[in-house]
Amino acid sequence: MTGRVQALLPGEDRSTGWRLRSSRHAERGCGQRSLGMLAVTLFLVAGCGGATVAPLASQGDLLGGIAMQVAWTVDHTETWSSALLRDDDGGGVAAAAGVVVSTLPHGVVEARVTTNGALLWDKDLQGAIAAPPRLAEGIVYVASLDGRLVALRMASGDEVWQAQLGSPLTNPPVITGAFVLILDRDQRLHALRREDGSVLWRTSAVARADIALRTFAEALVVDEGVVAGFTNGTLQLIDFNGQVRWSRSLAGEGRRFRDVLGQPLRTPGGLVIAATQTGGLFGLDPTSGDVVWRKDITLVSAPVLNDAGLLVAQDDAGALHWLDAGTGDTVATLPLEGEPFGALQRFGDLLVLSTFHRGLYLLSARQPWTFAEQRIATGFTPSVAIDEGTLFARSRGGRLFAFTLWERSR
């Protein structure tokens, strides 16, 4: 199967072989399963209705395709117009169990119904927020720049607990078992008791880089302990009592931007994968911290790992690379012209690339294949979420978008 992506309003004809009279016609003609008829639809056409399309790549045994369409939007500027006159690129979204939760830079947390955007509750934490929320078992965890980690009930917004950690929190927490882990801006890792927010231990501060470009950093829990990366290019394994077991510098000589990006990954073969801004991509032994392989590549965001053991990473020219996680060898490359800045997130076999200038891309996690793209003038913040077939994303202008994802038949 081959195909390409193009956006059309219902009834529009751009003389390219596309004949879409309406959303309903597209559903019948392309074998899509929809949740409703909506105003704007993005379709991947692959031999649908006799259309002539340009080949992009072969899908193999992947699903027939994915398309997305706008389900609803909420304009935050209408609700908090005065506050959102400030920078609105912070915060983010998370979704689970029919609720989408947004954190806004000026300190507001809000929860909405995923199906229609109706407001469930909102809460002003009285402190700026830079990171997206995290959801686990009915609790919303929010980190603020005044050093507080706050747990709220997802159903009501009521506070469960809050902990003051003494340093600005620019990263989201990691929820694992009975613990909550979070990295602060002073390069310390905190472990808290999930039940009540009490601090169990914290590591000593690691030297902070003068300049850091990473978006968010999160720790990875492995059998050997907790793997954490820092802005100066250091990667550490910390045991479950807070003791550092090994420390490895991944920063290249003379490199200016040395951040360890995002969250380290664990491969099916047992390696830990860590990415730095300019020092490259690394596969390490988690027990010793020894470097097994290194890929010399300049990255703009943290890579993701699929179930087949392939890494997907975006370089500073905008291209996406599929790499063997056991060796670092390149398997395939997909150029995305003119879009070097974005953030990758994986949801099953679907990759979502949220970009600062050109909008959203939906891609295959298995192969270099673009399903669909949604462009808006302002672009999207790095944090996106998916729940029950709906993708949620915040525009840089402060609008929350919900996109219904359609699964095409083969």
Protein backbone atom coordinates (compact mmCIF):
# COMPACT_ATOMS: atom_id res chain seq x y z
CA MET A 1 0.00 0.00 0.00
CA THR A 2 1.19 3.48 -0.83
CA GLY A 3 -0.18 6.88 -0.07
CA ARG A 4 0.28 10.50 0.87
CA VAL A 5 -1.38 12.98 3.16
CA GLN A 6 -3.43 16.01 2.25
CA ALA A 7 -5.98 18.08 4.14
CA LEU A 8 -9.36 18.90 2.60
CA LEU A 9 -12.50 20.54 3.80
CA PRO A 10 -15.60 18.47 2.97
CA GLY A 11 -16.53 19.09 -0.66
CA GLU A 12 -13.17 20.61 -1.63
CA ASP A 13 -11.42 19.53 -4.84
CA ARG A 14 -7.81 20.43 -5.51
CA SER A 15 -7.57 18.59 -8.85
CA THR A 16 -5.28 15.87 -7.56
CA GLY A 17 -7.59 12.89 -8.01
CA TRP A 18 -9.32 13.49 -4.66
CA ARG A 19 -13.09 13.25 -4.78
CA LEU A 20 -14.47 13.79 -1.28
CA ARG A 21 -18.02 15.08 -1.39
CA SER A 22 -18.52 14.83 2.38
CA SER A 23 -17.21 13.18 5.51
CA ARG A 24 -19.90 10.50 5.17
CA HIS A 25 -18.87 9.80 1.58
CA ALA A 26 -15.26 9.45 2.70
CA GLU A 27 -16.29 7.00 5.39
CA ARG A 28 -18.07 4.76 2.87
CA GLY A 29 -15.47 5.09 0.14
CA CYS A 30 -12.35 4.59 2.29
CA GLY A 31 -13.59 2.01 4.77
CA GLN A 32 -13.18 4.22 7.83
CA ARG A 33 -14.85 3.65 11.17
CA SER A 34 -15.87 6.98 12.62
CA LEU A 35 -17.31 8.24 15.87
CA GLY A 36 -19.34 11.01 14.23
CA MET A 37 -19.52 13.50 11.39
CA LEU A 38 -17.37 16.57 11.95
CA ALA A 39 -16.40 19.71 10.13
CA VAL A 40 -12.73 19.25 9.20
CA THR A 41 -11.20 15.90 8.31
CA LEU A 42 -7.67 14.81 7.40
CA PHE A 43 -7.53 11.64 5.34
CA LEU A 44 -4.77 9.30 4.29
CA VAL A 45 -5.82 8.13 0.85
CA ALA A 46 -4.25 4.92 -0.37
CA GLY A 47 -5.87 3.84 -3.61
CA CYS A 48 -9.22 5.06 -2.28
CA GLY A 49 -11.91 5.85 -4.85
CA GLY A 50 -9.47 5.56 -7.74
CA ALA A 51 -7.33 8.43 -6.47
CA THR A 52 -3.87 8.86 -7.94
CA VAL A 53 -1.40 9.20 -5.09
CA ALA A 54 2.36 9.59 -4.76
CA PRO A 55 4.17 6.70 -3.00
CA LEU A 56 5.81 7.41 0.33
CA ALA A 57 6.73 3.98 1.69
CA SER A 58 5.42 0.45 2.03
CA GLN A 59 3.37 -0.31 5.10
CA GLY A 60 3.86 -4.06 5.11
CA ASP A 61 1.46 -5.61 7.62
CA LEU A 62 0.72 -2.34 9.40
CA LEU A 63 -2.87 -1.21 9.86
CA GLY A 64 -4.52 0.23 6.77
CA GLY A 65 -3.98 3.75 8.02
CA ILE A 66 -4.96 6.47 10.45
CA ALA A 67 -6.67 9.77 9.81
CA MET A 68 -7.68 12.45 12.28
CA GLN A 69 -10.30 15.12 12.44
CA VAL A 70 -11.18 17.97 14.78
CA ALA A 71 -13.73 16.86 17.37
CA TRP A 72 -13.86 20.02 19.51
CA THR A 73 -11.70 22.90 20.64
CA VAL A 74 -11.61 25.05 23.75
CA ASP A 75 -10.14 28.52 23.51
CA HIS A 76 -8.34 29.18 26.80
CA THR A 77 -7.93 32.83 25.88
CA GLU A 78 -11.67 33.32 26.28
CA THR A 79 -11.58 31.97 29.84
CA TRP A 80 -8.27 33.37 31.08
CA SER A 81 -7.53 36.06 28.53
CA SER A 82 -5.61 38.37 30.83
CA ALA A 83 -3.34 35.66 32.24
CA LEU A 84 -2.71 34.08 28.85
CA LEU A 85 -1.34 37.29 27.44
CA ARG A 86 1.86 35.97 28.98
CA ASP A 87 3.93 33.13 27.50
CA ASP A 88 1.61 30.15 26.96
CA ASP A 89 4.17 27.59 25.81
CA GLY A 90 4.44 25.87 29.20
CA GLY A 91 2.29 23.24 30.84
CA GLY A 92 0.73 20.43 28.85
CA VAL A 93 -1.99 17.78 28.76
CA ALA A 94 -2.67 14.25 29.97
CA ALA A 95 -5.76 12.09 29.50
CA ALA A 96 -7.22 8.93 31.02
CA ALA A 97 -10.60 7.40 31.88
CA GLY A 98 -12.59 9.94 29.88
CA VAL A 99 -10.92 13.01 31.42
CA VAL A 100 -8.34 15.33 29.84
CA VAL A 101 -6.30 17.44 32.27
CA SER A 102 -4.42 20.57 31.22
CA THR A 103 -1.81 22.53 33.14
CA LEU A 104 -1.48 26.19 32.19
CA PRO A 105 1.67 28.27 32.73
CA HIS A 106 0.11 30.76 35.11
CA GLY A 107 -0.85 28.04 37.60
CA VAL A 108 -4.30 26.80 36.64
CA VAL A 109 -5.12 23.10 36.33
CA GLU A 110 -8.34 22.18 34.56
CA ALA A 111 -10.13 18.92 33.80
CA ARG A 112 -12.55 18.40 30.92
CA VAL A 113 -14.73 15.60 29.56
CA THR A 114 -12.88 14.01 26.65
CA THR A 115 -15.98 13.55 24.50
CA ASN A 116 -17.17 17.17 24.34
CA GLY A 117 -14.75 19.42 26.23
CA ALA A 118 -17.18 20.22 29.04
CA LEU A 119 -15.37 21.62 32.08
CA LEU A 120 -15.36 19.29 35.11
CA TRP A 121 -13.30 21.49 37.41
CA ASP A 122 -10.46 23.95 37.50
CA LYS A 123 -8.03 24.81 40.28
CA ASP A 124 -5.58 27.67 40.69
CA LEU A 125 -2.42 26.40 42.38
CA GLN A 126 -1.11 29.96 42.83
CA GLY A 127 2.22 29.09 41.24
CA ALA A 128 3.55 28.97 37.67
CA ILE A 129 3.62 25.58 35.92
CA ALA A 130 6.10 24.51 33.25
CA ALA A 131 5.49 20.74 32.97
CA PRO A 132 2.54 18.62 31.85
CA PRO A 133 0.54 16.73 34.49
CA ARG A 134 0.73 13.00 35.10
CA LEU A 135 -2.29 10.79 35.84
CA ALA A 136 -2.36 7.51 37.73
CA GLU A 137 -5.26 5.62 39.32
CA GLY A 138 -7.55 8.61 39.63
CA ILE A 139 -4.91 11.06 40.87
CA VAL A 140 -3.46 14.07 39.00
CA TYR A 141 0.16 14.94 39.83
CA VAL A 142 1.27 18.51 39.05
CA ALA A 143 4.72 20.07 39.49
CA SER A 144 5.06 23.83 39.95
CA LEU A 145 7.90 26.29 39.56
CA ASP A 146 7.67 27.28 43.22
CA GLY A 147 8.91 23.81 44.18
CA ARG A 148 5.62 22.13 45.02
CA LEU A 149 4.47 18.72 43.84
CA VAL A 150 0.68 18.54 44.22
CA ALA A 151 -1.63 15.51 44.06
CA LEU A 152 -5.30 16.18 43.13
CA ARG A 153 -8.29 13.89 42.73
CA MET A 154 -9.06 13.58 39.04
CA ALA A 155 -12.82 13.41 39.63
CA SER A 156 -13.11 16.61 41.68
CA GLY A 157 -9.82 18.54 41.77
CA ASP A 158 -9.67 18.19 45.56
CA GLU A 159 -6.15 18.17 46.99
CA VAL A 160 -4.82 14.85 48.30
CA TRP A 161 -1.39 16.12 49.36
CA GLN A 162 1.35 18.53 48.42
CA ALA A 163 5.09 18.46 49.05
CA GLN A 164 7.51 21.39 48.99
CA LEU A 165 10.81 20.21 47.50
CA GLY A 166 12.73 23.48 47.75
CA SER A 167 13.69 23.92 44.09
CA PRO A 168 11.73 24.84 40.94
CA LEU A 169 10.11 21.81 39.32
CA THR A 170 10.35 22.09 35.54
CA ASN A 171 9.84 18.37 34.82
CA PRO A 172 6.82 16.08 35.19
CA PRO A 173 6.90 13.35 37.84
CA VAL A 174 7.22 9.62 37.18
CA ILE A 175 4.65 7.47 38.97
CA THR A 176 5.88 3.94 39.67
CA GLY A 177 4.59 1.47 42.22
CA ALA A 178 4.48 3.11 45.64
CA PHE A 179 6.81 5.94 44.60
CA VAL A 180 6.75 9.28 42.82
CA LEU A 181 10.07 10.36 41.27
CA ILE A 182 10.87 13.85 40.03
CA LEU A 183 13.95 15.79 38.90
CA ASP A 184 14.21 19.41 40.04
CA ARG A 185 15.98 22.33 38.36
CA ASP A 186 18.93 22.02 40.76
CA GLN A 187 19.63 18.57 39.26
CA ARG A 188 18.43 16.50 42.21
CA LEU A 189 16.24 13.42 42.02
CA HIS A 190 13.51 13.21 44.68
CA ALA A 191 11.66 10.04 45.69
CA LEU A 192 8.33 10.54 47.47
CA ARG A 193 5.84 8.17 49.01
CA ARG A 194 2.91 8.03 46.61
CA GLU A 195 0.37 7.63 49.39
CA ASP A 196 1.06 10.86 51.28
CA GLY A 197 3.83 12.77 49.44
CA SER A 198 6.42 12.35 52.17
CA VAL A 199 10.01 12.56 50.91
CA LEU A 200 11.87 9.25 51.19
CA TRP A 201 15.21 10.43 49.81
CA ARG A 202 16.83 12.88 47.44
CA THR A 203 20.17 12.78 45.66
CA SER A 204 22.89 15.40 45.88
CA ALA A 205 22.84 18.09 43.22
CA VAL A 206 24.71 17.45 39.97
CA ALA A 207 26.54 20.37 38.35
CA ARG A 208 24.07 22.21 36.14
CA ALA A 209 24.87 23.19 32.56
CA ASP A 210 25.03 26.90 31.76
CA ILE A 211 22.66 26.40 28.81
CA ALA A 212 20.09 23.63 28.49
CA LEU A 213 17.63 23.12 25.64
CA ARG A 214 15.78 19.97 26.64
CA THR A 215 12.04 20.14 27.05
CA PHE A 216 11.37 17.73 29.92
CA ALA A 217 13.43 15.14 31.78
CA GLU A 218 12.09 12.03 33.50
CA ALA A 219 13.77 9.16 35.32
CA LEU A 220 13.54 5.53 34.19
CA VAL A 221 12.94 2.72 36.69
CA VAL A 222 14.81 -0.52 35.89
CA ASP A 223 15.55 -3.66 37.89
CA GLU A 224 18.90 -2.22 38.97
CA GLY A 225 17.45 1.08 40.26
CA VAL A 226 16.57 4.46 38.75
CA VAL A 227 18.34 5.87 35.68
CA ALA A 228 18.37 9.69 35.55
CA GLY A 229 19.91 12.12 33.07
CA PHE A 230 21.03 15.69 33.74
CA THR A 231 21.59 18.90 31.81
CA ASN A 232 25.40 18.62 31.92
CA GLY A 233 25.33 15.34 30.01
CA THR A 234 25.68 13.06 33.05
CA LEU A 235 23.70 9.82 33.30
CA GLN A 236 23.43 8.06 36.67
CA LEU A 237 22.09 4.82 38.09
CA ILE A 238 20.64 5.42 41.56
CA ASP A 239 19.56 2.52 43.74
CA PHE A 240 16.24 2.41 45.56
CA ASN A 241 17.83 3.88 48.69
CA GLY A 242 19.04 6.98 46.85
CA GLN A 243 22.69 5.92 46.47
CA VAL A 244 24.49 6.56 43.17
CA ARG A 245 25.80 3.25 41.78
CA TRP A 246 27.48 4.63 38.66
CA SER A 247 27.80 7.96 36.90
CA ARG A 248 28.68 8.35 33.23
CA SER A 249 29.40 11.54 31.27
CA LEU A 250 27.85 11.41 27.79
CA ALA A 251 28.81 14.96 26.87
CA GLY A 252 31.01 15.31 23.82
CA GLU A 253 34.24 17.29 24.01
CA GLY A 254 33.66 20.99 23.38
CA ARG A 255 29.91 20.49 22.94
CA ARG A 256 27.82 23.44 24.02
CA PHE A 257 24.44 21.75 24.43
CA ARG A 258 24.99 18.55 26.40
CA ASP A 259 21.56 17.84 27.89
CA VAL A 260 20.41 14.27 28.41
CA LEU A 261 17.06 14.45 26.65
CA GLY A 262 13.73 13.27 27.99
CA GLN A 263 13.46 9.87 29.62
CA PRO A 264 16.05 7.10 29.09
CA LEU A 265 14.69 3.92 27.51
CA ARG A 266 15.10 0.19 28.22
CA THR A 267 15.41 -2.09 25.18
CA PRO A 268 14.06 -5.66 24.92
CA GLY A 269 17.71 -6.78 25.01
CA GLY A 270 18.28 -5.05 28.35
CA LEU A 271 20.27 -2.00 27.26
CA VAL A 272 19.57 1.50 28.55
CA ILE A 273 19.24 4.07 25.77
CA ALA A 274 20.13 7.69 26.49
CA ALA A 275 20.16 10.63 24.10
CA THR A 276 22.07 13.90 24.41
CA GLN A 277 21.49 17.12 22.53
CA THR A 278 24.76 17.14 20.60
CA GLY A 279 26.78 14.24 22.05
CA GLY A 280 24.81 11.55 20.24
CA LEU A 281 22.69 8.52 21.07
CA PHE A 282 24.02 5.83 23.43
CA GLY A 283 23.28 2.22 24.32
CA LEU A 284 24.61 1.36 27.79
CA ASP A 285 24.89 -1.64 30.08
CA PRO A 286 22.56 -0.83 33.02
CA THR A 287 24.65 -2.74 35.55
CA SER A 288 28.00 -1.07 34.87
CA GLY A 289 27.11 2.02 32.83
CA ASP A 290 29.57 0.93 30.11
CA VAL A 291 28.82 2.27 26.63
CA VAL A 292 27.92 -0.60 24.28
CA TRP A 293 27.35 1.57 21.21
CA ARG A 294 27.18 5.22 20.25
CA LYS A 295 25.50 6.93 17.31
CA ASP A 296 26.90 10.31 16.31
CA ILE A 297 23.72 12.30 15.65
CA THR A 298 22.49 15.74 16.70
CA LEU A 299 18.99 15.40 18.16
CA VAL A 300 16.23 17.89 18.83
CA SER A 301 14.14 15.70 21.16
CA ALA A 302 14.23 12.42 23.02
CA PRO A 303 13.82 9.23 20.95
CA VAL A 304 11.07 6.65 21.39
CA LEU A 305 11.24 2.85 21.26
CA ASN A 306 8.77 0.54 19.53
CA ASP A 307 7.87 -3.06 20.36
CA ALA A 308 10.12 -4.41 17.63
CA GLY A 309 13.21 -2.92 19.27
CA LEU A 310 13.57 -0.01 16.88
CA LEU A 311 14.41 3.49 18.07
CA VAL A 312 12.85 6.48 16.34
CA ALA A 313 14.76 9.76 16.66
CA GLN A 314 14.60 13.17 14.97
CA ASP A 315 17.79 14.94 13.94
CA ASP A 316 18.43 18.67 13.70
CA ALA A 317 17.65 18.68 9.96
CA GLY A 318 14.14 17.42 10.65
CA ALA A 319 14.61 13.83 9.45
CA LEU A 320 13.26 10.90 11.45
CA HIS A 321 15.55 7.88 11.83
CA TRP A 322 14.53 4.31 12.65
CA LEU A 323 17.52 2.61 14.34
CA ASP A 324 18.31 -0.85 15.66
CA ALA A 325 18.28 -0.39 19.45
CA GLY A 326 20.79 -3.20 19.92
CA THR A 327 23.47 -1.71 17.67
CA GLY A 328 22.50 1.88 16.83
CA ASP A 329 22.56 1.10 13.10
CA THR A 330 20.16 3.08 10.89
CA VAL A 331 17.33 0.99 9.43
CA ALA A 332 15.33 3.71 7.64
CA THR A 333 15.07 7.49 7.36
CA LEU A 334 12.11 9.77 6.65
CA PRO A 335 12.89 13.44 5.85
CA LEU A 336 10.42 16.05 7.09
CA GLU A 337 11.49 19.09 5.16
CA GLY A 338 11.62 22.38 7.01
CA GLU A 339 10.62 21.00 10.43
CA PRO A 340 13.67 20.44 12.63
CA PHE A 341 12.00 21.18 15.96
CA GLY A 342 9.45 18.87 17.51
CA ALA A 343 8.73 16.33 20.24
CA LEU A 344 7.99 12.64 19.66
CA GLN A 345 5.56 10.58 21.68
CA ARG A 346 4.53 6.97 21.08
CA PHE A 347 1.08 5.49 21.60
CA GLY A 348 1.18 1.81 20.58
CA ASP A 349 2.00 1.65 16.86
CA LEU A 350 1.27 5.36 16.45
CA LEU A 351 3.86 8.14 16.70
CA VAL A 352 2.78 11.72 17.31
CA LEU A 353 5.26 14.44 16.39
CA SER A 354 4.16 17.77 17.85
CA THR A 355 6.06 20.60 16.21
CA PHE A 356 6.55 24.21 17.19
CA HIS A 357 5.89 25.69 13.76
CA ARG A 358 3.94 23.30 11.53
CA GLY A 359 1.50 21.43 13.75
CA LEU A 360 1.06 17.69 14.34
CA TYR A 361 2.19 14.66 12.37
CA LEU A 362 0.83 11.14 12.83
CA LEU A 363 3.36 8.49 11.81
CA SER A 364 3.90 4.75 12.02
CA ALA A 365 6.04 3.61 14.94
CA ARG A 366 7.19 0.63 12.87
CA GLN A 367 8.19 2.12 9.53
CA PRO A 368 8.88 5.52 7.86
CA TRP A 369 5.26 6.17 6.99
CA THR A 370 3.22 9.34 7.52
CA PHE A 371 -0.47 8.80 8.20
CA ALA A 372 -1.74 12.36 8.55
CA GLU A 373 -0.82 15.84 9.59
CA GLN A 374 -2.71 18.74 11.14
CA ARG A 375 -1.29 22.22 10.70
CA ILE A 376 -2.28 25.38 12.49
CA ALA A 377 -0.56 28.73 12.31
CA THR A 378 0.88 28.75 15.81
CA GLY A 379 2.04 25.14 16.12
CA PHE A 380 1.66 22.94 19.20
CA THR A 381 3.32 22.63 22.58
CA PRO A 382 5.36 19.43 23.07
CA SER A 383 2.87 17.61 25.28
CA VAL A 384 0.06 15.56 23.68
CA ALA A 385 -2.20 12.79 25.01
CA ILE A 386 -4.47 10.07 23.63
CA ASP A 387 -7.48 8.53 25.35
CA GLU A 388 -10.16 6.29 23.84
CA GLY A 389 -9.41 7.18 20.24
CA THR A 390 -9.08 10.93 20.76
CA LEU A 391 -5.82 12.88 20.57
CA PHE A 392 -5.46 16.03 22.69
CA ALA A 393 -2.98 18.82 22.00
CA ARG A 394 -2.46 22.40 23.13
CA SER A 395 -1.65 25.07 20.60
CA ARG A 396 0.99 27.65 21.41
CA GLY A 397 -1.83 30.21 21.32
CA GLY A 398 -3.60 28.54 24.26
CA ARG A 399 -6.30 26.51 22.53
CA LEU A 400 -6.96 22.91 23.53
CA PHE A 401 -7.69 20.70 20.51
CA ALA A 402 -9.33 17.27 20.49
CA PHE A 403 -8.85 15.16 17.35
CA THR A 404 -10.83 12.00 16.69
CA LEU A 405 -8.55 9.31 15.26
CA TRP A 406 -10.01 7.09 12.56
CA GLU A 407 -8.73 3.61 11.86
CA ARG A 408 -8.87 2.62 8.22
CA SER A 409 -9.47 -0.94 7.10
CA ARG A 410 -6.74 -2.70 5.13
